[in-house]
PDB file of N, CA and C in Angstrom:
ATOM      1  N   MET A   1      58.317 113.830  66.315  1.00  0.00           N
ATOM      2  CA  MET A   1      58.096 114.804  67.369  1.00  0.00           C
ATOM      3  C   MET A   1      56.940 114.372  68.279  1.00  0.00           C
ATOM      4  N   SER A   2      55.880 113.887  67.637  1.00  0.00           N
ATOM      5  CA  SER A   2      54.714 113.517  68.426  1.00  0.00           C
ATOM      6  C   SER A   2      54.982 112.248  69.242  1.00  0.00           C
ATOM      7  N   MET A   3      55.977 111.475  68.867  1.00  0.00           N
ATOM      8  CA  MET A   3      56.286 110.247  69.584  1.00  0.00           C
ATOM      9  C   MET A   3      57.033 110.513  70.894  1.00  0.00           C
ATOM     10  N   SER A   4      57.750 111.638  70.959  1.00  0.00           N
ATOM     11  CA  SER A   4      58.560 111.889  72.157  1.00  0.00           C
ATOM     12  C   SER A   4      57.680 112.084  73.387  1.00  0.00           C
ATOM     13  N   GLY A   5      56.491 112.661  73.216  1.00  0.00           N
ATOM     14  CA  GLY A   5      55.577 112.881  74.348  1.00  0.00           C
ATOM     15  C   GLY A   5      55.135 111.573  74.985  1.00  0.00           C
ATOM     16  N   PRO A   6      54.515 110.685  74.214  1.00  0.00           N
ATOM     17  CA  PRO A   6      54.043 109.420  74.796  1.00  0.00           C
ATOM     18  C   PRO A   6      55.172 108.550  75.333  1.00  0.00           C
ATOM     19  N   THR A   7      56.321 108.525  74.627  1.00  0.00           N
ATOM     20  CA  THR A   7      57.401 107.674  75.129  1.00  0.00           C
ATOM     21  C   THR A   7      57.957 108.239  76.428  1.00  0.00           C
ATOM     22  N   GLU A   8      58.018 109.562  76.551  1.00  0.00           N
ATOM     23  CA  GLU A   8      58.480 110.166  77.808  1.00  0.00           C
ATOM     24  C   GLU A   8      57.529 109.811  78.949  1.00  0.00           C
ATOM     25  N   SER A   9      56.237 109.923  78.696  1.00  0.00           N
ATOM     26  CA  SER A   9      55.277 109.602  79.749  1.00  0.00           C
ATOM     27  C   SER A   9      55.321 108.107  80.075  1.00  0.00           C
ATOM     28  N   ALA A  10      55.536 107.292  79.030  1.00  0.00           N
ATOM     29  CA  ALA A  10      55.631 105.855  79.282  1.00  0.00           C
ATOM     30  C   ALA A  10      56.867 105.547  80.115  1.00  0.00           C
ATOM     31  N   ARG A  11      57.987 106.196  79.815  1.00  0.00           N
ATOM     32  CA  ARG A  11      59.192 105.998  80.620  1.00  0.00           C
ATOM     33  C   ARG A  11      58.965 106.444  82.052  1.00  0.00           C
ATOM     34  N   THR A  12      58.274 107.576  82.200  1.00  0.00           N
ATOM     35  CA  THR A  12      57.983 108.063  83.546  1.00  0.00           C
ATOM     36  C   THR A  12      57.146 107.043  84.309  1.00  0.00           C
ATOM     37  N   TRP A  13      56.116 106.498  83.629  1.00  0.00           N
ATOM     38  CA  TRP A  13      55.268 105.518  84.291  1.00  0.00           C
ATOM     39  C   TRP A  13      56.047 104.263  84.652  1.00  0.00           C
ATOM     40  N   VAL A  14      56.923 103.819  83.744  1.00  0.00           N
ATOM     41  CA  VAL A  14      57.715 102.614  84.022  1.00  0.00           C
ATOM     42  C   VAL A  14      58.634 102.860  85.202  1.00  0.00           C
ATOM     43  N   SER A  15      59.273 104.038  85.215  1.00  0.00           N
ATOM     44  CA  SER A  15      60.168 104.327  86.345  1.00  0.00           C
ATOM     45  C   SER A  15      59.375 104.436  87.641  1.00  0.00           C
ATOM     46  N   LEU A  16      58.182 105.021  87.556  1.00  0.00           N
ATOM     47  CA  LEU A  16      57.334 105.096  88.753  1.00  0.00           C
ATOM     48  C   LEU A  16      56.944 103.698  89.223  1.00  0.00           C
ATOM     49  N   LEU A  17      56.593 102.834  88.261  1.00  0.00           N
ATOM     50  CA  LEU A  17      56.211 101.476  88.632  1.00  0.00           C
ATOM     51  C   LEU A  17      57.378 100.709  89.240  1.00  0.00           C
ATOM     52  N   LEU A  18      58.589 101.037  88.817  1.00  0.00           N
ATOM     53  CA  LEU A  18      59.756 100.373  89.386  1.00  0.00           C
ATOM     54  C   LEU A  18      60.105 100.956  90.755  1.00  0.00           C
ATOM     55  N   VAL A  19      59.906 102.249  90.907  1.00  0.00           N
ATOM     56  CA  VAL A  19      60.326 102.912  92.144  1.00  0.00           C
ATOM     57  C   VAL A  19      59.293 102.734  93.249  1.00  0.00           C
ATOM     58  N   VAL A  20      58.006 102.851  92.903  1.00  0.00           N
ATOM     59  CA  VAL A  20      56.967 102.869  93.930  1.00  0.00           C
ATOM     60  C   VAL A  20      56.921 101.584  94.753  1.00  0.00           C
ATOM     61  N   PRO A  21      56.964 100.385  94.144  1.00  0.00           N
ATOM     62  CA  PRO A  21      56.940  99.189  94.999  1.00  0.00           C
ATOM     63  C   PRO A  21      58.124  99.126  95.953  1.00  0.00           C
ATOM     64  N   ARG A  22      59.293  99.547  95.486  1.00  0.00           N
ATOM     65  CA  ARG A  22      60.454  99.536  96.377  1.00  0.00           C
ATOM     66  C   ARG A  22      60.256 100.504  97.529  1.00  0.00           C
ATOM     67  N   SER A  23      59.841 101.727  97.201  1.00  0.00           N
ATOM     68  CA  SER A  23      59.696 102.723  98.261  1.00  0.00           C
ATOM     69  C   SER A  23      58.565 102.336  99.209  1.00  0.00           C
ATOM     70  N   SER A  24      57.482 101.772  98.672  1.00  0.00           N
ATOM     71  CA  SER A  24      56.397 101.364  99.558  1.00  0.00           C
ATOM     72  C   SER A  24      56.848 100.211 100.444  1.00  0.00           C
ATOM     73  N   CYS A  25      57.723  99.364  99.912  1.00  0.00           N
ATOM     74  CA  CYS A  25      58.272  98.283 100.728  1.00  0.00           C
ATOM     75  C   CYS A  25      59.121  98.861 101.857  1.00  0.00           C
ATOM     76  N   TYR A  26      59.950  99.858 101.511  1.00  0.00           N
ATOM     77  CA  TYR A  26      60.753 100.510 102.546  1.00  0.00           C
ATOM     78  C   TYR A  26      59.864 101.199 103.574  1.00  0.00           C
ATOM     79  N   ILE A  27      58.826 101.868 103.076  1.00  0.00           N
ATOM     80  CA  ILE A  27      57.905 102.542 104.003  1.00  0.00           C
ATOM     81  C   ILE A  27      57.236 101.515 104.904  1.00  0.00           C
ATOM     82  N   PHE A  28      56.842 100.388 104.315  1.00  0.00           N
ATOM     83  CA  PHE A  28      56.207  99.337 105.108  1.00  0.00           C
ATOM     84  C   PHE A  28      57.162  98.799 106.164  1.00  0.00           C
ATOM     85  N   LEU A  29      58.416  98.568 105.762  1.00  0.00           N
ATOM     86  CA  LEU A  29      59.399  98.078 106.727  1.00  0.00           C
ATOM     87  C   LEU A  29      59.636  99.100 107.823  1.00  0.00           C
ATOM     88  N   CYS A  30      59.748 100.377 107.441  1.00  0.00           N
ATOM     89  CA  CYS A  30      59.940 101.430 108.440  1.00  0.00           C
ATOM     90  C   CYS A  30      58.766 101.475 109.401  1.00  0.00           C
ATOM     91  N   ALA A  31      57.548 101.404 108.833  1.00  0.00           N
ATOM     92  CA  ALA A  31      56.363 101.443 109.683  1.00  0.00           C
ATOM     93  C   ALA A  31      56.334 100.245 110.626  1.00  0.00           C
ATOM     94  N   THR A  32      56.730  99.082 110.117  1.00  0.00           N
ATOM     95  CA  THR A  32      56.764  97.893 110.964  1.00  0.00           C
ATOM     96  C   THR A  32      57.780  98.058 112.087  1.00  0.00           C
ATOM     97  N   CYS A  33      58.966  98.594 111.733  1.00  0.00           N
ATOM     98  CA  CYS A  33      59.984  98.809 112.759  1.00  0.00           C
ATOM     99  C   CYS A  33      59.506  99.810 113.797  1.00  0.00           C
ATOM    100  N   LEU A  34      58.902 100.900 113.339  1.00  0.00           N
ATOM    101  CA  LEU A  34      58.398 101.904 114.273  1.00  0.00           C
ATOM    102  C   LEU A  34      57.310 101.317 115.156  1.00  0.00           C
ATOM    103  N   PHE A  35      56.447 100.501 114.554  1.00  0.00           N
ATOM    104  CA  PHE A  35      55.380  99.873 115.326  1.00  0.00           C
ATOM    105  C   PHE A  35      55.958  98.952 116.394  1.00  0.00           C
ATOM    106  N   ASP A  36      56.995  98.183 116.017  1.00  0.00           N
ATOM    107  CA  ASP A  36      57.657  97.315 116.998  1.00  0.00           C
ATOM    108  C   ASP A  36      58.264  98.143 118.119  1.00  0.00           C
ATOM    109  N   GLN A  37      58.931  99.253 117.765  1.00  0.00           N
ATOM    110  CA  GLN A  37      59.528 100.109 118.780  1.00  0.00           C
ATOM    111  C   GLN A  37      58.454 100.663 119.711  1.00  0.00           C
ATOM    112  N   LEU A  38      57.331 101.088 119.139  1.00  0.00           N
ATOM    113  CA  LEU A  38      56.252 101.624 119.963  1.00  0.00           C
ATOM    114  C   LEU A  38      55.688 100.554 120.875  1.00  0.00           C
ATOM    115  N   LEU A  39      55.564  99.326 120.360  1.00  0.00           N
ATOM    116  CA  LEU A  39      55.068  98.239 121.205  1.00  0.00           C
ATOM    117  C   LEU A  39      56.018  97.967 122.358  1.00  0.00           C
ATOM    118  N   ILE A  40      57.323  97.965 122.054  1.00  0.00           N
ATOM    119  CA  ILE A  40      58.317  97.723 123.100  1.00  0.00           C
ATOM    120  C   ILE A  40      58.246  98.837 124.142  1.00  0.00           C
ATOM    121  N   LEU A  41      58.202 100.084 123.663  1.00  0.00           N
ATOM    122  CA  LEU A  41      58.112 101.211 124.592  1.00  0.00           C
ATOM    123  C   LEU A  41      56.846 101.129 125.424  1.00  0.00           C
ATOM    124  N   PHE A  42      55.730 100.767 124.784  1.00  0.00           N
ATOM    125  CA  PHE A  42      54.469 100.690 125.499  1.00  0.00           C
ATOM    126  C   PHE A  42      54.501  99.593 126.542  1.00  0.00           C
ATOM    127  N   SER A  43      55.101  98.444 126.198  1.00  0.00           N
ATOM    128  CA  SER A  43      55.151  97.348 127.165  1.00  0.00           C
ATOM    129  C   SER A  43      56.061  97.711 128.336  1.00  0.00           C
ATOM    130  N   ILE A  44      57.197  98.381 128.043  1.00  0.00           N
ATOM    131  CA  ILE A  44      58.081  98.824 129.130  1.00  0.00           C
ATOM    132  C   ILE A  44      57.364  99.833 130.010  1.00  0.00           C
ATOM    133  N   ASP A  45      56.656 100.775 129.358  1.00  0.00           N
ATOM    134  CA  ASP A  45      55.935 101.802 130.096  1.00  0.00           C
ATOM    135  C   ASP A  45      54.859 101.189 130.980  1.00  0.00           C
ATOM    136  N   SER A  46      54.082 100.244 130.427  1.00  0.00           N
ATOM    137  CA  SER A  46      53.027  99.625 131.224  1.00  0.00           C
ATOM    138  C   SER A  46      53.624  98.783 132.345  1.00  0.00           C
ATOM    139  N   TRP A  47      54.771  98.145 132.095  1.00  0.00           N
ATOM    140  CA  TRP A  47      55.415  97.359 133.150  1.00  0.00           C
ATOM    141  C   TRP A  47      55.854  98.271 134.290  1.00  0.00           C
ATOM    142  N   PHE A  48      56.454  99.430 133.938  1.00  0.00           N
ATOM    143  CA  PHE A  48      56.853 100.381 134.979  1.00  0.00           C
ATOM    144  C   PHE A  48      55.646 100.896 135.743  1.00  0.00           C
ATOM    145  N   ARG A  49      54.563 101.157 135.019  1.00  0.00           N
ATOM    146  CA  ARG A  49      53.366 101.653 135.707  1.00  0.00           C
ATOM    147  C   ARG A  49      52.826 100.621 136.663  1.00  0.00           C
ATOM    148  N   VAL A  50      52.792  99.352 136.225  1.00  0.00           N
ATOM    149  CA  VAL A  50      52.263  98.291 137.085  1.00  0.00           C
ATOM    150  C   VAL A  50      53.153  98.122 138.309  1.00  0.00           C
ATOM    151  N   SER A  51      54.481  98.093 138.094  1.00  0.00           N
ATOM    152  CA  SER A  51      55.378  97.908 139.232  1.00  0.00           C
ATOM    153  C   SER A  51      55.302  99.118 140.165  1.00  0.00           C
ATOM    154  N   PHE A  52      55.182 100.315 139.598  1.00  0.00           N
ATOM    155  CA  PHE A  52      55.060 101.510 140.430  1.00  0.00           C
ATOM    156  C   PHE A  52      53.755 101.483 141.217  1.00  0.00           C
ATOM    157  N   ALA A  53      52.676 101.023 140.556  1.00  0.00           N
ATOM    158  CA  ALA A  53      51.383 100.952 141.237  1.00  0.00           C
ATOM    159  C   ALA A  53      51.430  99.941 142.375  1.00  0.00           C
ATOM    160  N   THR A  54      52.074  98.790 142.163  1.00  0.00           N
ATOM    161  CA  THR A  54      52.149  97.802 143.237  1.00  0.00           C
ATOM    162  C   THR A  54      53.032  98.312 144.373  1.00  0.00           C
ATOM    163  N   GLN A  55      54.123  99.002 144.028  1.00  0.00           N
ATOM    164  CA  GLN A  55      54.965  99.587 145.076  1.00  0.00           C
ATOM    165  C   GLN A  55      54.187 100.614 145.874  1.00  0.00           C
ATOM    166  N   THR A  56      53.411 101.451 145.180  1.00  0.00           N
ATOM    167  CA  THR A  56      52.630 102.471 145.876  1.00  0.00           C
ATOM    168  C   THR A  56      51.577 101.813 146.749  1.00  0.00           C
ATOM    169  N   ALA A  57      50.943 100.767 146.228  1.00  0.00           N
ATOM    170  CA  ALA A  57      49.924 100.069 147.009  1.00  0.00           C
ATOM    171  C   ALA A  57      50.558  99.413 148.231  1.00  0.00           C
ATOM    172  N   ASP A  58      51.742  98.809 148.068  1.00  0.00           N
ATOM    173  CA  ASP A  58      52.432  98.207 149.205  1.00  0.00           C
ATOM    174  C   ASP A  58      52.799  99.262 150.239  1.00  0.00           C
ATOM    175  N   ALA A  59      53.290 100.392 149.764  1.00  0.00           N
ATOM    176  CA  ALA A  59      53.662 101.456 150.700  1.00  0.00           C
ATOM    177  C   ALA A  59      52.432 101.981 151.432  1.00  0.00           C
ATOM    178  N   GLU A  60      51.335 102.106 150.714  1.00  0.00           N
ATOM    179  CA  GLU A  60      50.087 102.579 151.332  1.00  0.00           C
ATOM    180  C   GLU A  60      49.595 101.577 152.367  1.00  0.00           C
ATOM    181  N   ALA A  61      49.692 100.281 152.036  1.00  0.00           N
ATOM    182  CA  ALA A  61      49.267  99.256 152.986  1.00  0.00           C
ATOM    183  C   ALA A  61      50.157  99.273 154.219  1.00  0.00           C
ATOM    184  N   ALA A  62      51.457  99.433 154.014  1.00  0.00           N
ATOM    185  CA  ALA A  62      52.372  99.488 155.161  1.00  0.00           C
ATOM    186  C   ALA A  62      52.085 100.717 156.019  1.00  0.00           C
ATOM    187  N   ARG A  63      51.771 101.829 155.373  1.00  0.00           N
ATOM    188  CA  ARG A  63      51.475 103.046 156.131  1.00  0.00           C
ATOM    189  C   ARG A  63      50.191 102.862 156.933  1.00  0.00           C
ATOM    190  N   LEU A  64      49.192 102.234 156.334  1.00  0.00           N
ATOM    191  CA  LEU A  64      47.946 101.998 157.057  1.00  0.00           C
ATOM    192  C   LEU A  64      48.167 101.019 158.204  1.00  0.00           C
ATOM    193  N   ASP A  65      49.032 100.009 157.997  1.00  0.00           N
ATOM    194  CA  ASP A  65      49.349  99.074 159.069  1.00  0.00           C
ATOM    195  C   ASP A  65      50.005  99.805 160.235  1.00  0.00           C
ATOM    196  N   ARG A  66      50.945 100.678 159.922  1.00  0.00           N
ATOM    197  CA  ARG A  66      51.615 101.433 160.986  1.00  0.00           C
ATOM    198  C   ARG A  66      50.628 102.307 161.741  1.00  0.00           C
ATOM    199  N   GLN A  67      49.718 102.938 161.003  1.00  0.00           N
ATOM    200  CA  GLN A  67      48.735 103.802 161.665  1.00  0.00           C
ATOM    201  C   GLN A  67      47.835 102.988 162.578  1.00  0.00           C
ATOM    202  N   SER A  68      47.396 101.818 162.107  1.00  0.00           N
ATOM    203  CA  SER A  68      46.497 101.008 162.921  1.00  0.00           C
ATOM    204  C   SER A  68      47.249 100.433 164.124  1.00  0.00           C
ATOM    205  N   SER A  69      48.537 100.115 163.950  1.00  0.00           N
ATOM    206  CA  SER A  69      49.294  99.589 165.086  1.00  0.00           C
ATOM    207  C   SER A  69      49.588 100.705 166.088  1.00  0.00           C
ATOM    208  N   CYS A  70      49.724 101.932 165.618  1.00  0.00           N
ATOM    209  CA  CYS A  70      49.948 103.047 166.536  1.00  0.00           C
ATOM    210  C   CYS A  70      48.702 103.322 167.361  1.00  0.00           C
ATOM    211  N   ARG A  71      47.532 103.123 166.770  1.00  0.00           N
ATOM    212  CA  ARG A  71      46.295 103.391 167.505  1.00  0.00           C
ATOM    213  C   ARG A  71      46.101 102.380 168.615  1.00  0.00           C
ATOM    214  N   HIS A  72      46.541 101.141 168.398  1.00  0.00           N
ATOM    215  CA  HIS A  72      46.370 100.110 169.428  1.00  0.00           C
ATOM    216  C   HIS A  72      47.444 100.356 170.448  1.00  0.00           C
TER     217      HIS A  72
END
């Protein structure tokens, strides 16, 4: 009777030791995939911001050119 307690806990620990590395590996892979997705999204977002900023700057420069040419 007294043996069933320790063997049950030992089985639990063994199963935990078998399960935890696998699940942590899956969690690590998921985190890596999510991190890659976030990096891709961030790079796309920053690229759009840069292109939008240059377009806005070009439009602003063209507008200022038109204003200065109208004054002359």
